[in-house]
Amino acid sequence: MPNIKGAAKRARQAIGRHSRNVNAKSSLKTQRSKLFAAVEKQDKVMGTAEYKAYCSMLDKLAKRGIITSNTAQRRKTRAANKVRAVAAK
């Protein structure tokens, strides 16, 4: 239990931020599963559309500091490689 009013406020803010971050990461995982499902189906058009949405979401989360920019870049590269493999077939 915090002894200072400011510490209590910070604790409340941290709870709100944590729930927002968890929801954002959950949405990212959902988007990633949609992308991988399109890749599994060998659907080039759907895969490209899902890839764009996935990259957009990664960039937004990196900008807001929920994930680091290096993590976002790595995930975008790996996803792009999967989509390129489907497009090459």
N, C-alpha and C. Protein backbone atom coordinates (compact mmCIF):
# COMPACT_ATOMS: atom_id res chain seq x y z
N MET A 1 0.85 -1.18 0.00
CA MET A 1 0.00 0.00 0.00
C MET A 1 0.89 1.25 0.00
N PRO A 2 0.72 2.13 -0.96
CA PRO A 2 1.56 3.32 -1.01
C PRO A 2 1.25 4.30 0.11
N ASN A 3 2.28 4.95 0.61
CA ASN A 3 2.11 5.92 1.69
C ASN A 3 1.89 7.33 1.16
N ILE A 4 2.24 7.57 -0.07
CA ILE A 4 2.17 8.91 -0.65
C ILE A 4 1.10 8.95 -1.72
N LYS A 5 0.37 10.06 -1.79
CA LYS A 5 -0.70 10.18 -2.76
C LYS A 5 -0.21 10.02 -4.19
N GLY A 6 0.95 10.58 -4.47
CA GLY A 6 1.52 10.48 -5.81
C GLY A 6 1.84 9.05 -6.19
N ALA A 7 2.31 8.27 -5.21
CA ALA A 7 2.62 6.87 -5.47
C ALA A 7 1.34 6.08 -5.74
N ALA A 8 0.28 6.43 -5.05
CA ALA A 8 -1.01 5.76 -5.27
C ALA A 8 -1.52 6.05 -6.68
N LYS A 9 -1.37 7.29 -7.10
CA LYS A 9 -1.79 7.66 -8.45
C LYS A 9 -0.97 6.91 -9.50
N ARG A 10 0.33 6.84 -9.28
CA ARG A 10 1.20 6.13 -10.21
C ARG A 10 0.80 4.65 -10.30
N ALA A 11 0.42 4.06 -9.19
CA ALA A 11 -0.02 2.66 -9.18
C ALA A 11 -1.30 2.50 -10.01
N ARG A 12 -2.23 3.45 -9.86
CA ARG A 12 -3.47 3.40 -10.64
C ARG A 12 -3.16 3.54 -12.13
N GLN A 13 -2.27 4.46 -12.46
CA GLN A 13 -1.91 4.68 -13.86
C GLN A 13 -1.24 3.44 -14.45
N ALA A 14 -0.40 2.80 -13.65
CA ALA A 14 0.31 1.62 -14.13
C ALA A 14 -0.67 0.50 -14.45
N ILE A 15 -1.72 0.37 -13.66
CA ILE A 15 -2.73 -0.67 -13.91
C ILE A 15 -3.41 -0.40 -15.24
N GLY A 16 -3.78 0.85 -15.48
CA GLY A 16 -4.43 1.20 -16.74
C GLY A 16 -3.53 0.97 -17.93
N ARG A 17 -2.29 1.38 -17.81
CA ARG A 17 -1.34 1.19 -18.91
C ARG A 17 -1.09 -0.28 -19.19
N HIS A 18 -0.99 -1.06 -18.11
CA HIS A 18 -0.75 -2.49 -18.27
C HIS A 18 -1.89 -3.14 -19.04
N SER A 19 -3.12 -2.83 -18.69
CA SER A 19 -4.25 -3.44 -19.37
C SER A 19 -4.31 -3.00 -20.84
N ARG A 20 -3.98 -1.73 -21.11
CA ARG A 20 -3.94 -1.24 -22.49
C ARG A 20 -2.87 -1.98 -23.30
N ASN A 21 -1.70 -2.17 -22.69
CA ASN A 21 -0.61 -2.85 -23.38
C ASN A 21 -0.94 -4.32 -23.64
N VAL A 22 -1.57 -4.97 -22.67
CA VAL A 22 -1.95 -6.37 -22.84
C VAL A 22 -2.96 -6.51 -23.97
N ASN A 23 -3.94 -5.61 -24.03
CA ASN A 23 -4.93 -5.65 -25.10
C ASN A 23 -4.28 -5.42 -26.46
N ALA A 24 -3.34 -4.50 -26.52
CA ALA A 24 -2.66 -4.20 -27.78
C ALA A 24 -1.84 -5.41 -28.26
N LYS A 25 -1.15 -6.06 -27.34
CA LYS A 25 -0.36 -7.23 -27.70
C LYS A 25 -1.25 -8.39 -28.12
N SER A 26 -2.40 -8.51 -27.49
CA SER A 26 -3.35 -9.55 -27.86
C SER A 26 -3.87 -9.32 -29.27
N SER A 27 -4.17 -8.07 -29.60
CA SER A 27 -4.62 -7.74 -30.95
C SER A 27 -3.53 -8.05 -31.97
N LEU A 28 -2.29 -7.79 -31.60
CA LEU A 28 -1.16 -8.08 -32.48
C LEU A 28 -1.06 -9.58 -32.75
N LYS A 29 -1.23 -10.39 -31.71
CA LYS A 29 -1.18 -11.84 -31.88
C LYS A 29 -2.30 -12.33 -32.77
N THR A 30 -3.48 -11.74 -32.64
CA THR A 30 -4.61 -12.10 -33.49
C THR A 30 -4.29 -11.78 -34.94
N GLN A 31 -3.74 -10.60 -35.17
CA GLN A 31 -3.39 -10.19 -36.54
C GLN A 31 -2.32 -11.11 -37.11
N ARG A 32 -1.36 -11.50 -36.29
CA ARG A 32 -0.30 -12.40 -36.75
C ARG A 32 -0.88 -13.76 -37.12
N SER A 33 -1.83 -14.25 -36.34
CA SER A 33 -2.44 -15.55 -36.66
C SER A 33 -3.24 -15.47 -37.95
N LYS A 34 -3.89 -14.33 -38.22
CA LYS A 34 -4.60 -14.15 -39.49
C LYS A 34 -3.62 -14.19 -40.66
N LEU A 35 -2.48 -13.53 -40.48
CA LEU A 35 -1.46 -13.52 -41.53
C LEU A 35 -0.95 -14.93 -41.79
N PHE A 36 -0.62 -15.65 -40.73
CA PHE A 36 -0.07 -16.99 -40.90
C PHE A 36 -1.11 -17.95 -41.48
N ALA A 37 -2.39 -17.74 -41.17
CA ALA A 37 -3.45 -18.56 -41.75
C ALA A 37 -3.53 -18.33 -43.25
N ALA A 38 -3.40 -17.08 -43.68
CA ALA A 38 -3.41 -16.77 -45.11
C ALA A 38 -2.19 -17.38 -45.80
N VAL A 39 -1.06 -17.37 -45.13
CA VAL A 39 0.15 -17.95 -45.70
C VAL A 39 -0.01 -19.47 -45.81
N GLU A 40 -0.61 -20.09 -44.80
CA GLU A 40 -0.83 -21.54 -44.83
C GLU A 40 -1.74 -21.94 -45.98
N LYS A 41 -2.72 -21.09 -46.29
CA LYS A 41 -3.65 -21.37 -47.38
C LYS A 41 -3.05 -21.07 -48.75
N GLN A 42 -1.84 -20.51 -48.76
CA GLN A 42 -1.16 -20.11 -49.98
C GLN A 42 -1.95 -19.04 -50.74
N ASP A 43 -2.64 -18.18 -50.00
CA ASP A 43 -3.46 -17.12 -50.60
C ASP A 43 -2.60 -15.86 -50.70
N LYS A 44 -2.18 -15.55 -51.93
CA LYS A 44 -1.25 -14.44 -52.13
C LYS A 44 -1.90 -13.09 -51.86
N VAL A 45 -3.13 -12.90 -52.35
CA VAL A 45 -3.81 -11.61 -52.19
C VAL A 45 -4.14 -11.35 -50.73
N MET A 46 -4.72 -12.36 -50.08
CA MET A 46 -5.08 -12.20 -48.68
C MET A 46 -3.82 -12.05 -47.82
N GLY A 47 -2.78 -12.78 -48.16
CA GLY A 47 -1.53 -12.69 -47.40
C GLY A 47 -0.93 -11.30 -47.47
N THR A 48 -0.97 -10.69 -48.65
CA THR A 48 -0.44 -9.34 -48.81
C THR A 48 -1.24 -8.33 -48.00
N ALA A 49 -2.57 -8.48 -48.03
CA ALA A 49 -3.42 -7.55 -47.27
C ALA A 49 -3.19 -7.71 -45.77
N GLU A 50 -3.10 -8.95 -45.32
CA GLU A 50 -2.87 -9.19 -43.89
C GLU A 50 -1.47 -8.71 -43.48
N TYR A 51 -0.51 -8.84 -44.38
CA TYR A 51 0.85 -8.38 -44.09
C TYR A 51 0.87 -6.87 -43.88
N LYS A 52 0.14 -6.14 -44.73
CA LYS A 52 0.09 -4.68 -44.59
C LYS A 52 -0.52 -4.29 -43.24
N ALA A 53 -1.61 -4.97 -42.88
CA ALA A 53 -2.26 -4.67 -41.60
C ALA A 53 -1.34 -5.01 -40.44
N TYR A 54 -0.63 -6.13 -40.54
CA TYR A 54 0.29 -6.56 -39.49
C TYR A 54 1.43 -5.56 -39.32
N CYS A 55 2.00 -5.11 -40.43
CA CYS A 55 3.08 -4.13 -40.37
C CYS A 55 2.61 -2.81 -39.78
N SER A 56 1.43 -2.40 -40.17
CA SER A 56 0.87 -1.16 -39.64
C SER A 56 0.70 -1.25 -38.12
N MET A 57 0.20 -2.39 -37.67
CA MET A 57 0.00 -2.56 -36.24
C MET A 57 1.34 -2.59 -35.50
N LEU A 58 2.32 -3.27 -36.08
CA LEU A 58 3.65 -3.30 -35.46
C LEU A 58 4.24 -1.90 -35.34
N ASP A 59 4.10 -1.11 -36.39
CA ASP A 59 4.64 0.25 -36.37
C ASP A 59 3.96 1.10 -35.30
N LYS A 60 2.65 0.96 -35.18
CA LYS A 60 1.92 1.73 -34.17
C LYS A 60 2.35 1.34 -32.76
N LEU A 61 2.50 0.04 -32.52
CA LEU A 61 2.91 -0.40 -31.19
C LEU A 61 4.34 0.03 -30.88
N ALA A 62 5.20 0.02 -31.88
CA ALA A 62 6.58 0.47 -31.67
C ALA A 62 6.61 1.96 -31.39
N LYS A 63 5.77 2.72 -32.09
CA LYS A 63 5.74 4.16 -31.88
C LYS A 63 5.26 4.50 -30.48
N ARG A 64 4.31 3.73 -29.97
CA ARG A 64 3.77 3.98 -28.63
C ARG A 64 4.63 3.37 -27.53
N GLY A 65 5.67 2.60 -27.91
CA GLY A 65 6.58 2.06 -26.92
C GLY A 65 6.12 0.76 -26.29
N ILE A 66 5.11 0.11 -26.87
CA ILE A 66 4.62 -1.14 -26.32
C ILE A 66 5.58 -2.27 -26.67
N ILE A 67 6.14 -2.23 -27.87
CA ILE A 67 7.23 -3.12 -28.25
C ILE A 67 8.36 -2.24 -28.77
N THR A 68 9.57 -2.79 -28.78
CA THR A 68 10.70 -1.98 -29.25
C THR A 68 10.72 -1.96 -30.78
N SER A 69 11.38 -0.97 -31.31
CA SER A 69 11.43 -0.82 -32.77
C SER A 69 12.20 -1.98 -33.41
N ASN A 70 13.22 -2.49 -32.75
CA ASN A 70 13.98 -3.62 -33.30
C ASN A 70 13.10 -4.87 -33.37
N THR A 71 12.28 -5.07 -32.36
CA THR A 71 11.36 -6.21 -32.35
C THR A 71 10.36 -6.09 -33.50
N ALA A 72 9.84 -4.90 -33.69
CA ALA A 72 8.89 -4.67 -34.78
C ALA A 72 9.55 -4.94 -36.12
N GLN A 73 10.75 -4.45 -36.30
CA GLN A 73 11.46 -4.64 -37.56
C GLN A 73 11.74 -6.12 -37.81
N ARG A 74 12.17 -6.83 -36.81
CA ARG A 74 12.46 -8.26 -36.94
C ARG A 74 11.20 -9.03 -37.32
N ARG A 75 10.09 -8.73 -36.68
CA ARG A 75 8.84 -9.43 -36.97
C ARG A 75 8.33 -9.10 -38.37
N LYS A 76 8.51 -7.85 -38.80
CA LYS A 76 8.10 -7.48 -40.15
C LYS A 76 8.92 -8.23 -41.19
N THR A 77 10.21 -8.34 -40.96
CA THR A 77 11.09 -9.04 -41.90
C THR A 77 10.72 -10.50 -42.00
N ARG A 78 10.49 -11.15 -40.88
CA ARG A 78 10.16 -12.57 -40.89
C ARG A 78 8.81 -12.80 -41.56
N ALA A 79 7.86 -11.92 -41.32
CA ALA A 79 6.56 -12.05 -41.95
C ALA A 79 6.68 -11.82 -43.47
N ALA A 80 7.49 -10.85 -43.85
CA ALA A 80 7.70 -10.57 -45.27
C ALA A 80 8.29 -11.77 -45.99
N ASN A 81 9.22 -12.45 -45.32
CA ASN A 81 9.83 -13.63 -45.92
C ASN A 81 8.79 -14.72 -46.16
N LYS A 82 7.87 -14.88 -45.23
CA LYS A 82 6.81 -15.87 -45.40
C LYS A 82 5.88 -15.50 -46.56
N VAL A 83 5.53 -14.22 -46.64
CA VAL A 83 4.65 -13.77 -47.72
C VAL A 83 5.35 -13.88 -49.07
N ARG A 84 6.64 -13.58 -49.12
CA ARG A 84 7.40 -13.69 -50.37
C ARG A 84 7.48 -15.15 -50.83
N ALA A 85 7.61 -16.06 -49.89
CA ALA A 85 7.67 -17.48 -50.24
C ALA A 85 6.37 -17.92 -50.90
N VAL A 86 5.25 -17.41 -50.41
CA VAL A 86 3.95 -17.74 -51.02
C VAL A 86 3.84 -17.11 -52.39
N ALA A 87 4.29 -15.87 -52.54
CA ALA A 87 4.19 -15.17 -53.80
C ALA A 87 5.08 -15.80 -54.86
N ALA A 88 6.18 -16.40 -54.44
CA ALA A 88 7.12 -17.01 -55.40
C ALA A 88 6.56 -18.30 -55.99
N LYS A 89 5.64 -18.94 -55.30
CA LYS A 89 5.09 -20.21 -55.80
C LYS A 89 4.08 -20.03 -56.89
